[in-house]
Structures are given as structure tokens and as C-alpha cells.
Amino acid sequence: MGSKYLTISLGTALKYYKRDDVQRAILDCADDKEVAISYSGKGYGKRPDVLKYPRDILELVKKGATSFHCSEELWYNPLSVVTGMKPQELNELRKGWDLLLDIDCPELEYSKIAAELLVQALHHYDVKHVSVKFSGNHGFHIGVPFEAFPETVAGKKVKDLFPEGPKRIAIFLQEKIRSFLAERLLQLHQLDVIAKNIGKQAPDLVKDGKFDPFEVLDIDTVLIASRHLYRMPWSLNEKSGLVSIVITPDQILSFKKDNATTDKVKPELRFMDRSEVIPGEAKRLFVEAFDFNPEIEEPTINDNKPKEFEPVGEAISEEFFPPCILNIKKGLDDGKKRAVLVLINFLSSVGWSYSMIEEYIKKWNEKNPDPLREVYIQGQLKYYKLKKKAVLPPNCDNKAYMIDLGVCKPDGLCKRIKNPVNYAIGRDRMSKLQNKKQAKKKSVKTVQSSKPEPL
């Protein structure tokens, strides 16, 4: 697997980012936001960081920066935010959060339909001021500023309901547009054509006898997590060389990628324009989303109450690992940080020692087209070592992990287990039981062969 990133030359980046209108447009979105700098899509600069002046952008580009990313959360002082803070500490620093819905699909035309339906759904729930921007590659970002939400609901400060708040809203809206999205996609193309366009087989798009449009595209409810970043408006996208431009909702269906080339960009529209938002206009949306039924499983390493697990006494051999873990081992293009969490928790739960886990993850990371930085790997291993307790990896049905990473390729045993660790333990036990049976049979044969022949 090769890298999915283009080479954006220093000259191209400088020519674009030296424009005053581009610098002002990017800075307009940086207030109270944590910012991270991407260097050719291969790594980020120090975190936390901020952008304050136009010259900051140009100086960073001279050092190799190709794109700029900002947090969904709004902070009193973004530079005070550090990794490992407790939820209460983050709540004290957080001013609020913007709702950011990330639509992604290999086929842009399908993303357009989903984006339009999401905007319509938001309008239906009285949210008038909705922002839209092209991600720069295959999808769109739909935004609602924090000011649109009520300050409190049921006695709770809405600013503290992160990431639970935006996750519930995203899942709620996804279900509200599901049937409409399925109908619109099938009006555009037949099922086999849809499958071909996104690189899947037609049966993969059917669940319980019905076409599931969310097997075609994602509305990202997974990465809505504390300190999650998204590409800033008017920033370049390393995978396409295009600009993440802001458009009006009525421009979604007519949008063409040619509109996002650097020579055509005119940053006149604002993303998350707070000046025109009616305070509390999204209250109905918020309340109904929280009344919606689905439970939300927190997919971050900072879960308040992770499920502790007593690891097995003896390290289970890799030959008994489930397909998902073996598929992760082959290397990943995307989702590597989530994969690190999965691997550490899985390996520790099946009896592997710290040194074995460290070596396994190091070798895995070398197979990734764009390996994670060593400092990140060591940070996660250090976190695990400090916990001194094994924690189960996410369950198999947690879409945030195995399914979303594209590594869930179940075999016959997978259908009978809930967690990858259960698979490994089950196969290990079956193997030991089989070995005992074979040893018993061998013992019986030995005894029988030792009996004297009858006269």
C-alpha cells in the first residue's frame, strides 16, 4: 500500500498561503481554538498550538506546513490544554463546542446527497444558521456554532456535555435521514453500481434485507472526541491538493471540485459564522437528540470507567488471534491511533508482557505506509504501563473501531463472540482441549500395545 498523500511543493504552498485574504480567512476560524499544523500529511507540529497573526501562517508554511487544523472545542486558553487531563479539568477550561458533522465517501456525488439531507434535517429542527464546507477531497463538513445551543438543559451546562452532546446529535440526525438517503442514492444509481463506485460488493450494502446507506458513506460520530481536530476552512488538503472551501447550503448539489483549486478560491464566506446565530435556536434539536434511545459507547482512551479485565496467566499465541487483529497487523492507511489502543488493550488482555507488546507494536508501525511518530507510540505504551491493569479492547460491534477501521472480516467463530479477546481465549482453550484429547488417546494406545499377546 502506498501513501495517499500528494507532494505539495513549498512553492505551491507559499503562493497560496501568502495571500492576505487566505490568511485572514483562516485566522477568522482560529479564535479560542486549539490549532495543529500538518506537515505534508505525515505528522503534526506541537500540541497545543494557536494562530494569532497572519505572519504565523506564512512562517509555518516556510517551515513545511501544508495544512491547518482546529478543534471543535472552544477554550478559554487553548495553550493550557494538555494530554491526560481529567474530564472535570477539561470542563473548567472549555468555553463550548461547535457541532461538526463530517461526511465522507469515496464517491463525491453520494456525499453531496447526504450533506443536503443533513442541512434539511437541521432546518427542520429550527436550526437556521448552518455552515457547509468541502473537506478538500471526498466529503463535506456541516457546522453549527455553539452559540446556537442552549446554555443549560435539565440543569446541566451544555458546554460540559462534550463529546456526548455532538455524538447524540450526529446519531439522531443520521437515523432521521436514513430512509431518505437510501431512497435518493437508489434513485441515482442501482445497488450494484453504487457498490462498484465505492469499491464494495452489493451484498455488503444490505443489512437485514434492506439497503443500508451508511455502508456507503459515513457521518462521522466516531471522531467527535475531546481535542479532535478538523481541517480549517480555506486550508489545503494534502490528499487532493484542493482547498477546503466554504460554500452555501444551496450550492451543495452543484458543487464541482474545480471550484476548489487554488487559483479559483475567493474566501468570502465564513464558516461557523457566530455573528448571525440566534442564541438557543438549536434547543429543540438538542433536547430531541438526548431523548433519542441509542446508547453511546465512548471510544476514547479516556473513558471514565473502562471495563477492567483479569488477563490470562499465560501469553496466548498469535496463531489464535482473531481476523481483525491479524488484519490490523498488516498495516493501515487510516485509523492508526485507534489501532494502537486496540492492540495495547488486546495484547495485555491475552497475557502478553509489556516488552512483547512494545516489540509487536513497533513492528506493526513499521508496516504502516505513514508510520505513527515514535513519541506517540511511546506515550500510549507509557499510559498503559502506568495503569497496571488490563482493559478489554472495544467490543466487535463498536462501529468506532473494527468496523470503521475496515479490519472486521468475521469467520465462523466471530459470530459467537462479543470481544476479540473472547475469540483468542476460546481458540486457545479449544486447542489445549484438543491436545489433551490427543494425549489421552496416545496414552491409551500405548497401554494397549504393552499388553501381552494371548496364547
Protein backbone atom coordinates (compact mmCIF):
# COMPACT_ATOMS: atom_id res chain seq x y z
CA MET A 1 0.00 0.00 0.00
CA GLY A 2 1.40 3.36 -0.98
CA SER A 3 0.93 6.75 0.57
CA LYS A 4 -2.31 8.51 -0.23
CA TYR A 5 -0.75 11.95 0.08
CA LEU A 6 0.35 14.18 -2.76
CA THR A 7 3.53 16.18 -2.70
CA ILE A 8 2.55 19.82 -2.24
CA SER A 9 5.65 21.78 -3.14
CA LEU A 10 6.89 24.62 -0.98
CA GLY A 11 6.33 26.97 -3.91
CA THR A 12 2.69 25.93 -4.29
CA ALA A 13 2.02 26.27 -0.56
CA LEU A 14 3.74 29.66 -0.32
CA LYS A 15 1.96 31.05 -3.35
CA TYR A 16 -1.41 30.14 -1.85
CA TYR A 17 -0.88 30.90 1.83
CA LYS A 18 0.89 34.22 1.28
CA ARG A 19 -2.42 35.71 0.11
CA ASP A 20 -3.77 38.22 2.63
CA ASP A 21 -7.38 37.14 2.09
CA VAL A 22 -6.50 33.49 2.74
CA GLN A 23 -4.58 34.31 5.92
CA ARG A 24 -7.43 36.45 7.26
CA ALA A 25 -10.00 33.75 6.46
CA ILE A 26 -8.01 31.07 8.31
CA LEU A 27 -7.38 33.32 11.31
CA ASP A 28 -11.08 34.10 11.46
CA CYS A 29 -11.71 30.48 12.45
CA ALA A 30 -8.84 30.25 14.96
CA ASP A 31 -10.29 32.28 17.87
CA ASP A 32 -10.42 30.22 21.08
CA LYS A 33 -9.45 27.10 19.12
CA GLU A 34 -6.59 24.70 19.59
CA VAL A 35 -4.70 24.55 16.30
CA ALA A 36 -2.43 21.87 14.90
CA ILE A 37 -0.12 22.15 11.92
CA SER A 38 0.17 19.32 9.40
CA TYR A 39 3.38 18.77 7.51
CA SER A 40 2.54 17.08 4.19
CA GLY A 41 0.01 14.86 5.97
CA LYS A 42 2.86 12.91 7.56
CA GLY A 43 2.80 14.39 11.02
CA TYR A 44 1.64 17.28 13.16
CA GLY A 45 3.51 20.02 14.92
CA LYS A 46 3.47 20.54 18.67
CA ARG A 47 0.18 20.50 20.53
CA PRO A 48 -1.42 22.56 21.81
CA ASP A 49 -0.79 25.46 19.45
CA VAL A 50 -2.66 28.58 18.35
CA LEU A 51 -2.73 31.03 15.45
CA LYS A 52 -2.75 34.72 16.34
CA TYR A 53 -1.26 36.70 13.47
CA PRO A 54 -1.15 36.45 9.66
CA ARG A 55 2.63 36.14 9.74
CA ASP A 56 2.28 32.98 11.87
CA ILE A 57 0.73 31.20 8.88
CA LEU A 58 3.41 32.27 6.43
CA GLU A 59 6.28 31.43 8.78
CA LEU A 60 4.89 27.96 9.40
CA VAL A 61 4.49 27.32 5.67
CA LYS A 62 8.12 28.31 5.13
CA LYS A 63 8.99 25.51 7.57
CA GLY A 64 6.99 22.96 5.59
CA ALA A 65 3.42 23.33 6.87
CA THR A 66 0.83 22.30 4.27
CA SER A 67 -2.47 22.49 6.17
CA PHE A 68 -4.03 23.83 9.35
CA HIS A 69 -6.45 22.03 11.67
CA CYS A 70 -8.52 23.27 14.61
CA SER A 71 -10.52 21.84 17.48
CA GLU A 72 -14.28 21.51 17.68
CA GLU A 73 -13.98 22.73 21.23
CA LEU A 74 -13.66 26.38 22.25
CA TRP A 75 -11.21 27.06 25.08
CA TYR A 76 -10.60 29.95 27.47
CA ASN A 77 -6.90 29.36 26.88
CA PRO A 78 -6.09 26.69 24.29
CA LEU A 79 -2.44 26.57 25.35
CA SER A 80 -3.48 25.34 28.80
CA VAL A 81 -4.96 22.14 27.38
CA VAL A 82 -2.67 19.13 27.81
CA THR A 83 -2.99 15.42 27.12
CA GLY A 84 -4.18 13.32 30.05
CA MET A 85 -6.38 15.93 31.71
CA LYS A 86 -9.36 14.63 33.66
CA PRO A 87 -12.86 15.41 32.32
CA GLN A 88 -13.50 17.91 35.11
CA GLU A 89 -10.27 19.75 34.30
CA LEU A 90 -11.24 19.96 30.63
CA ASN A 91 -14.71 21.23 31.57
CA GLU A 92 -13.17 24.08 33.52
CA LEU A 93 -11.10 25.15 30.51
CA ARG A 94 -13.80 24.62 27.87
CA LYS A 95 -15.96 27.57 26.80
CA GLY A 96 -18.11 25.48 24.49
CA TRP A 97 -18.06 23.29 21.40
CA ASP A 98 -19.19 23.55 17.81
CA LEU A 99 -21.17 20.78 16.15
CA LEU A 100 -19.10 19.43 13.25
CA LEU A 101 -20.58 16.63 11.11
CA ASP A 102 -18.02 15.01 8.83
CA ILE A 103 -19.45 13.29 5.73
CA ASP A 104 -17.02 11.05 3.91
CA CYS A 105 -17.46 8.71 0.95
CA PRO A 106 -15.23 7.67 -1.96
CA GLU A 107 -17.92 8.99 -4.33
CA LEU A 108 -18.44 12.75 -4.03
CA GLU A 109 -21.93 12.64 -5.55
CA TYR A 110 -23.13 10.46 -2.68
CA SER A 111 -21.59 12.84 -0.13
CA LYS A 112 -23.49 15.71 -1.75
CA ILE A 113 -26.83 13.96 -1.23
CA ALA A 114 -26.05 13.25 2.43
CA ALA A 115 -24.90 16.82 3.01
CA GLU A 116 -28.08 18.26 1.52
CA LEU A 117 -30.27 15.95 3.61
CA LEU A 118 -28.41 16.86 6.80
CA VAL A 119 -28.90 20.56 6.14
CA GLN A 120 -32.61 19.95 5.53
CA ALA A 121 -32.86 17.98 8.77
CA LEU A 122 -31.16 20.78 10.73
CA HIS A 123 -33.55 23.32 9.23
CA HIS A 124 -36.46 21.06 10.16
CA TYR A 125 -35.35 21.27 13.79
CA ASP A 126 -35.29 25.09 13.65
CA VAL A 127 -31.55 25.49 13.12
CA LYS A 128 -31.40 28.33 10.60
CA HIS A 129 -27.69 29.11 10.50
CA VAL A 130 -25.86 26.10 9.09
CA SER A 131 -22.33 26.23 7.67
CA VAL A 132 -21.07 23.98 4.87
CA LYS A 133 -17.58 23.42 3.58
CA PHE A 134 -15.97 21.00 1.16
CA SER A 135 -13.46 18.82 3.01
CA GLY A 136 -10.98 19.16 0.17
CA ASN A 137 -11.29 15.57 -1.03
CA HIS A 138 -14.44 13.38 -0.99
CA GLY A 139 -16.79 14.89 1.55
CA PHE A 140 -18.28 17.85 3.35
CA HIS A 141 -18.27 19.32 6.82
CA ILE A 142 -21.58 20.59 8.18
CA GLY A 143 -21.24 23.03 11.08
CA VAL A 144 -23.44 24.62 13.70
CA PRO A 145 -21.82 27.18 16.06
CA PHE A 146 -22.02 26.60 19.80
CA GLU A 147 -24.00 29.79 20.26
CA ALA A 148 -26.98 28.07 18.62
CA PHE A 149 -27.30 25.65 21.56
CA PRO A 150 -28.90 26.46 24.92
CA GLU A 151 -26.64 27.24 27.87
CA THR A 152 -28.23 24.60 30.06
CA VAL A 153 -30.51 21.59 29.62
CA ALA A 154 -32.08 19.78 32.57
CA GLY A 155 -29.79 21.65 34.93
CA LYS A 156 -26.61 20.66 33.09
CA LYS A 157 -24.25 23.07 31.38
CA VAL A 158 -24.27 22.23 27.68
CA LYS A 159 -20.62 23.25 27.35
CA ASP A 160 -19.70 20.32 29.60
CA LEU A 161 -21.66 17.79 27.52
CA PHE A 162 -18.75 17.02 25.23
CA PRO A 163 -18.27 14.72 23.41
CA GLU A 164 -21.63 13.23 24.41
CA GLY A 165 -23.67 16.16 23.05
CA PRO A 166 -22.45 16.24 19.46
CA LYS A 167 -22.35 12.44 19.32
CA ARG A 168 -26.01 12.15 20.28
CA ILE A 169 -26.96 14.83 17.77
CA ALA A 170 -24.99 13.13 15.00
CA ILE A 171 -26.55 9.72 15.64
CA PHE A 172 -30.03 11.27 15.93
CA LEU A 173 -29.69 13.09 12.59
CA GLN A 174 -28.23 10.02 10.93
CA GLU A 175 -31.31 8.00 11.82
CA LYS A 176 -33.64 10.80 10.73
CA ILE A 177 -32.19 10.89 7.21
CA ARG A 178 -31.52 7.14 6.82
CA SER A 179 -34.59 6.20 4.73
CA PHE A 180 -34.41 9.40 2.65
CA LEU A 181 -30.71 8.85 1.95
CA ALA A 182 -31.30 5.25 0.88
CA GLU A 183 -34.09 6.33 -1.49
CA ARG A 184 -32.07 9.17 -3.02
CA LEU A 185 -28.98 7.02 -3.59
CA LEU A 186 -31.02 4.29 -5.29
CA GLN A 187 -32.69 6.92 -7.47
CA LEU A 188 -29.25 7.98 -8.63
CA HIS A 189 -27.72 4.52 -9.20
CA GLN A 190 -28.63 0.86 -8.93
CA LEU A 191 -27.22 -1.09 -5.99
CA ASP A 192 -24.50 -2.86 -7.99
CA VAL A 193 -23.34 0.46 -9.47
CA ILE A 194 -23.20 2.07 -6.02
CA ALA A 195 -21.16 -0.85 -4.71
CA LYS A 196 -18.75 -0.68 -7.65
CA ASN A 197 -18.27 3.07 -7.22
CA ILE A 198 -17.18 2.71 -3.60
CA GLY A 199 -15.14 -0.47 -4.03
CA LYS A 200 -17.51 -2.90 -2.32
CA GLN A 201 -19.75 -5.80 -3.27
CA ALA A 202 -23.53 -5.28 -3.50
CA PRO A 203 -24.31 -7.79 -0.65
CA ASP A 204 -22.07 -5.72 1.64
CA LEU A 205 -24.54 -2.83 1.37
CA VAL A 206 -27.53 -4.84 2.58
CA LYS A 207 -28.42 -5.37 6.26
CA ASP A 208 -31.45 -7.31 7.46
CA GLY A 209 -32.70 -7.48 3.89
CA LYS A 210 -32.54 -3.70 3.34
CA PHE A 211 -30.11 -1.36 1.64
CA ASP A 212 -28.13 0.43 4.36
CA PRO A 213 -26.88 3.81 3.06
CA PHE A 214 -24.37 4.02 5.90
CA GLU A 215 -22.48 1.12 4.41
CA VAL A 216 -21.87 3.56 1.54
CA LEU A 217 -20.82 6.64 3.47
CA ASP A 218 -20.02 7.77 6.99
CA ILE A 219 -21.37 10.64 9.01
CA ASP A 220 -18.57 10.77 11.49
CA THR A 221 -19.79 10.14 15.02
CA VAL A 222 -16.59 8.32 15.90
CA LEU A 223 -14.03 11.07 15.94
CA ILE A 224 -16.23 13.53 17.78
CA ALA A 225 -13.97 13.27 20.80
CA SER A 226 -12.17 15.61 23.13
CA ARG A 227 -9.47 17.57 21.28
CA HIS A 228 -10.48 16.10 17.91
CA LEU A 229 -9.36 18.36 15.10
CA TYR A 230 -10.76 19.07 11.67
CA ARG A 231 -9.29 20.77 8.62
CA MET A 232 -9.70 24.51 8.87
CA PRO A 233 -11.68 26.35 6.19
CA TRP A 234 -9.54 27.60 3.29
CA SER A 235 -6.75 25.15 4.16
CA LEU A 236 -5.17 22.83 1.59
CA ASN A 237 -5.88 19.10 1.55
CA GLU A 238 -2.74 17.00 1.07
CA LYS A 239 -4.64 14.08 -0.48
CA SER A 240 -6.04 16.13 -3.35
CA GLY A 241 -4.16 19.42 -3.50
CA LEU A 242 -7.55 21.17 -3.35
CA VAL A 243 -8.77 23.78 -0.88
CA SER A 244 -11.33 23.12 1.85
CA ILE A 245 -13.64 25.89 0.67
CA VAL A 246 -16.78 27.24 2.32
CA ILE A 247 -19.99 27.13 0.27
CA THR A 248 -23.62 27.99 0.87
CA PRO A 249 -26.09 25.15 1.54
CA ASP A 250 -27.83 25.74 -1.80
CA GLN A 251 -24.51 25.19 -3.62
CA ILE A 252 -24.03 21.62 -2.37
CA LEU A 253 -25.59 19.70 -5.26
CA SER A 254 -24.00 21.90 -7.94
CA PHE A 255 -20.55 21.82 -6.34
CA LYS A 256 -17.62 20.79 -8.55
CA LYS A 257 -14.11 20.00 -7.41
CA ASP A 258 -12.82 22.51 -9.95
CA ASN A 259 -14.30 25.20 -7.70
CA ALA A 260 -11.70 24.31 -5.05
CA THR A 261 -8.47 24.81 -7.00
CA THR A 262 -6.09 27.37 -5.51
CA ASP A 263 -6.36 29.72 -8.48
CA LYS A 264 -10.18 29.96 -8.20
CA VAL A 265 -10.53 30.32 -4.44
CA LYS A 266 -12.12 33.52 -3.13
CA PRO A 267 -12.54 33.26 0.66
CA GLU A 268 -15.60 35.45 1.01
CA LEU A 269 -17.80 33.15 3.12
CA ARG A 270 -17.30 32.46 6.83
CA PHE A 271 -17.54 29.00 8.39
CA MET A 272 -19.32 28.84 11.76
CA ASP A 273 -20.39 32.48 11.44
CA ARG A 274 -21.30 33.37 15.03
CA SER A 275 -22.44 36.90 14.29
CA GLU A 276 -25.81 35.90 12.81
CA VAL A 277 -26.70 32.94 15.00
CA ILE A 278 -29.86 33.19 17.09
CA PRO A 279 -28.88 32.12 20.63
CA GLY A 280 -30.52 28.84 21.54
CA GLU A 281 -32.04 28.22 18.10
CA ALA A 282 -30.85 24.60 18.26
CA LYS A 283 -32.53 23.83 21.60
CA ARG A 284 -35.24 21.65 20.07
CA LEU A 285 -32.61 19.64 18.17
CA PHE A 286 -30.54 19.21 21.32
CA VAL A 287 -33.44 18.10 23.51
CA GLU A 288 -34.86 15.63 20.97
CA ALA A 289 -31.42 14.16 20.30
CA PHE A 290 -30.99 13.50 24.02
CA ASP A 291 -34.41 11.89 24.19
CA PHE A 292 -33.40 9.56 21.39
CA ASN A 293 -32.86 5.97 22.52
CA PRO A 294 -29.45 4.60 21.36
CA GLU A 295 -26.77 4.19 23.99
CA ILE A 296 -23.45 5.79 23.10
CA GLU A 297 -20.27 3.90 23.81
CA GLU A 298 -17.33 6.19 24.42
CA PRO A 299 -14.50 5.16 22.07
CA THR A 300 -11.63 7.18 23.56
CA ILE A 301 -8.79 6.08 25.77
CA ASN A 302 -10.03 8.49 28.44
CA ASP A 303 -13.23 6.62 29.33
CA ASN A 304 -14.22 7.39 32.91
CA LYS A 305 -14.98 3.76 33.73
CA PRO A 306 -13.14 1.40 31.39
CA LYS A 307 -14.03 -2.22 31.82
CA GLU A 308 -11.20 -3.86 33.75
CA PHE A 309 -10.25 -7.39 32.81
CA GLU A 310 -8.20 -10.02 34.54
CA PRO A 311 -5.71 -11.12 31.87
CA VAL A 312 -4.95 -14.77 31.24
CA GLY A 313 -1.98 -16.20 33.06
CA GLU A 314 0.00 -17.39 30.05
CA ALA A 315 0.50 -15.41 26.85
CA ILE A 316 -1.80 -16.66 24.10
CA SER A 317 -0.05 -17.46 20.83
CA GLU A 318 -0.63 -15.22 17.81
CA GLU A 319 -1.94 -18.21 15.88
CA PHE A 320 -5.14 -17.91 17.93
CA PHE A 321 -5.70 -14.20 17.29
CA PRO A 322 -8.97 -13.10 15.62
CA PRO A 323 -9.07 -11.89 11.98
CA CYS A 324 -9.43 -8.22 12.98
CA ILE A 325 -6.16 -8.18 14.94
CA LEU A 326 -4.33 -10.04 12.18
CA ASN A 327 -5.69 -7.55 9.64
CA ILE A 328 -4.50 -4.61 11.74
CA LYS A 329 -1.06 -6.23 11.85
CA LYS A 330 -0.79 -5.93 8.06
CA GLY A 331 -0.63 -2.13 8.36
CA LEU A 332 -3.20 0.64 7.97
CA ASP A 333 -3.59 3.79 5.92
CA ASP A 334 -6.05 5.41 8.33
CA GLY A 335 -7.13 4.90 11.92
CA LYS A 336 -3.67 4.06 13.24
CA LYS A 337 -4.16 5.85 16.56
CA ARG A 338 -7.31 3.88 17.29
CA ALA A 339 -5.47 0.74 16.25
CA VAL A 340 -2.76 1.39 18.85
CA LEU A 341 -5.42 1.46 21.56
CA VAL A 342 -6.92 -1.77 20.25
CA LEU A 343 -3.56 -3.56 20.08
CA ILE A 344 -2.37 -2.50 23.55
CA ASN A 345 -5.63 -3.49 25.23
CA PHE A 346 -5.94 -6.73 23.29
CA LEU A 347 -2.38 -7.92 23.81
CA SER A 348 -2.37 -7.05 27.53
CA SER A 349 -5.67 -8.92 27.96
CA VAL A 350 -4.32 -12.10 26.35
CA GLY A 351 -1.35 -12.27 28.69
CA TRP A 352 1.41 -10.55 26.71
CA SER A 353 4.12 -8.80 28.70
CA TYR A 354 5.00 -5.12 28.30
CA SER A 355 8.16 -5.90 26.32
CA MET A 356 6.26 -8.26 23.99
CA ILE A 357 3.58 -5.62 23.39
CA GLU A 358 6.18 -2.93 22.73
CA GLU A 359 8.00 -5.10 20.17
CA TYR A 360 4.74 -6.15 18.46
CA ILE A 361 3.51 -2.57 18.06
CA LYS A 362 6.91 -1.35 16.88
CA LYS A 363 6.98 -3.96 14.10
CA TRP A 364 3.35 -3.19 13.21
CA ASN A 365 4.04 0.52 12.95
CA GLU A 366 6.89 -0.15 10.51
CA LYS A 367 4.37 -1.77 8.15
CA ASN A 368 2.14 1.32 8.02
CA PRO A 369 2.51 3.41 4.84
CA ASP A 370 2.75 6.53 7.02
CA PRO A 371 4.02 5.29 10.42
CA LEU A 372 2.97 7.00 13.61
CA ARG A 373 5.62 9.05 15.33
CA GLU A 374 7.71 7.14 17.87
CA VAL A 375 6.88 9.69 20.57
CA TYR A 376 3.15 8.93 20.16
CA ILE A 377 3.70 5.15 20.37
CA GLN A 378 5.81 5.50 23.48
CA GLY A 379 3.27 7.85 25.06
CA GLN A 380 0.48 5.30 24.67
CA LEU A 381 2.69 2.48 25.98
CA LYS A 382 3.66 4.61 28.97
CA TYR A 383 -0.01 5.31 29.67
CA TYR A 384 -0.73 1.57 29.64
CA LYS A 385 2.24 0.84 31.91
CA LEU A 386 1.08 3.41 34.47
CA LYS A 387 -2.43 1.90 34.60
CA LYS A 388 -1.05 -1.50 35.60
CA LYS A 389 -4.43 -3.05 34.78
CA ALA A 390 -5.61 -4.77 31.65
CA VAL A 391 -8.61 -3.24 29.89
CA LEU A 392 -10.59 -5.07 27.23
CA PRO A 393 -10.41 -3.65 23.69
CA PRO A 394 -13.70 -2.32 22.24
CA ASN A 395 -16.38 -4.92 21.52
CA CYS A 396 -16.74 -6.26 18.00
CA ASP A 397 -19.98 -4.36 17.36
CA ASN A 398 -18.44 -0.99 18.28
CA LYS A 399 -18.52 0.74 14.89
CA ALA A 400 -15.85 3.17 16.07
CA TYR A 401 -13.16 0.54 15.84
CA MET A 402 -13.00 -2.79 13.97
CA ILE A 403 -15.83 -1.95 11.57
CA ASP A 404 -14.77 1.64 10.87
CA LEU A 405 -11.12 0.61 10.51
CA GLY A 406 -12.14 -1.87 7.82
CA VAL A 407 -10.49 -4.84 9.56
CA CYS A 408 -13.63 -6.69 10.65
CA LYS A 409 -13.65 -9.79 8.39
CA PRO A 410 -15.51 -12.31 10.57
CA ASP A 411 -15.12 -16.05 10.37
CA GLY A 412 -17.42 -18.69 11.86
CA LEU A 413 -16.24 -18.22 15.45
CA CYS A 414 -16.57 -14.41 15.31
CA LYS A 415 -20.35 -14.72 15.13
CA ARG A 416 -20.41 -16.32 18.58
CA ILE A 417 -18.23 -13.85 20.49
CA LYS A 418 -18.58 -10.23 21.61
CA ASN A 419 -14.95 -9.19 22.01
CA PRO A 420 -11.70 -10.02 20.18
CA VAL A 421 -10.23 -11.28 23.47
CA ASN A 422 -13.03 -13.87 23.77
CA TYR A 423 -12.02 -15.17 20.35
CA ALA A 424 -8.37 -15.66 21.32
CA ILE A 425 -9.23 -17.25 24.68
CA GLY A 426 -11.79 -19.53 23.04
CA ARG A 427 -9.43 -20.78 20.36
CA ASP A 428 -6.62 -21.21 22.87
CA ARG A 429 -8.85 -23.31 25.11
CA MET A 430 -10.09 -25.39 22.19
CA SER A 431 -6.50 -26.06 21.17
CA LYS A 432 -5.48 -27.12 24.68
CA LEU A 433 -8.55 -29.33 24.98
CA GLN A 434 -7.76 -30.94 21.64
CA ASN A 435 -4.16 -31.52 22.72
CA LYS A 436 -5.37 -33.17 25.93
CA LYS A 437 -7.69 -35.47 23.99
CA GLN A 438 -4.90 -36.44 21.61
CA ALA A 439 -2.53 -37.05 24.52
CA LYS A 440 -5.16 -39.22 26.22
CA LYS A 441 -5.71 -41.25 23.05
CA LYS A 442 -1.96 -41.69 22.66
CA SER A 443 -1.69 -42.85 26.27
CA VAL A 444 -4.48 -45.41 25.77
CA LYS A 445 -2.81 -46.77 22.65
CA THR A 446 0.50 -47.08 24.49
CA VAL A 447 -1.16 -49.06 27.33
CA GLN A 448 -2.97 -51.33 24.88
CA SER A 449 0.20 -52.04 22.90
CA SER A 450 2.01 -53.02 26.11
CA LYS A 451 -0.47 -55.85 26.92
CA PRO A 452 0.89 -59.43 26.28
CA GLU A 453 -0.42 -61.25 23.24
CA PRO A 454 -2.99 -64.00 24.07
CA LEU A 455 -1.77 -67.64 23.83
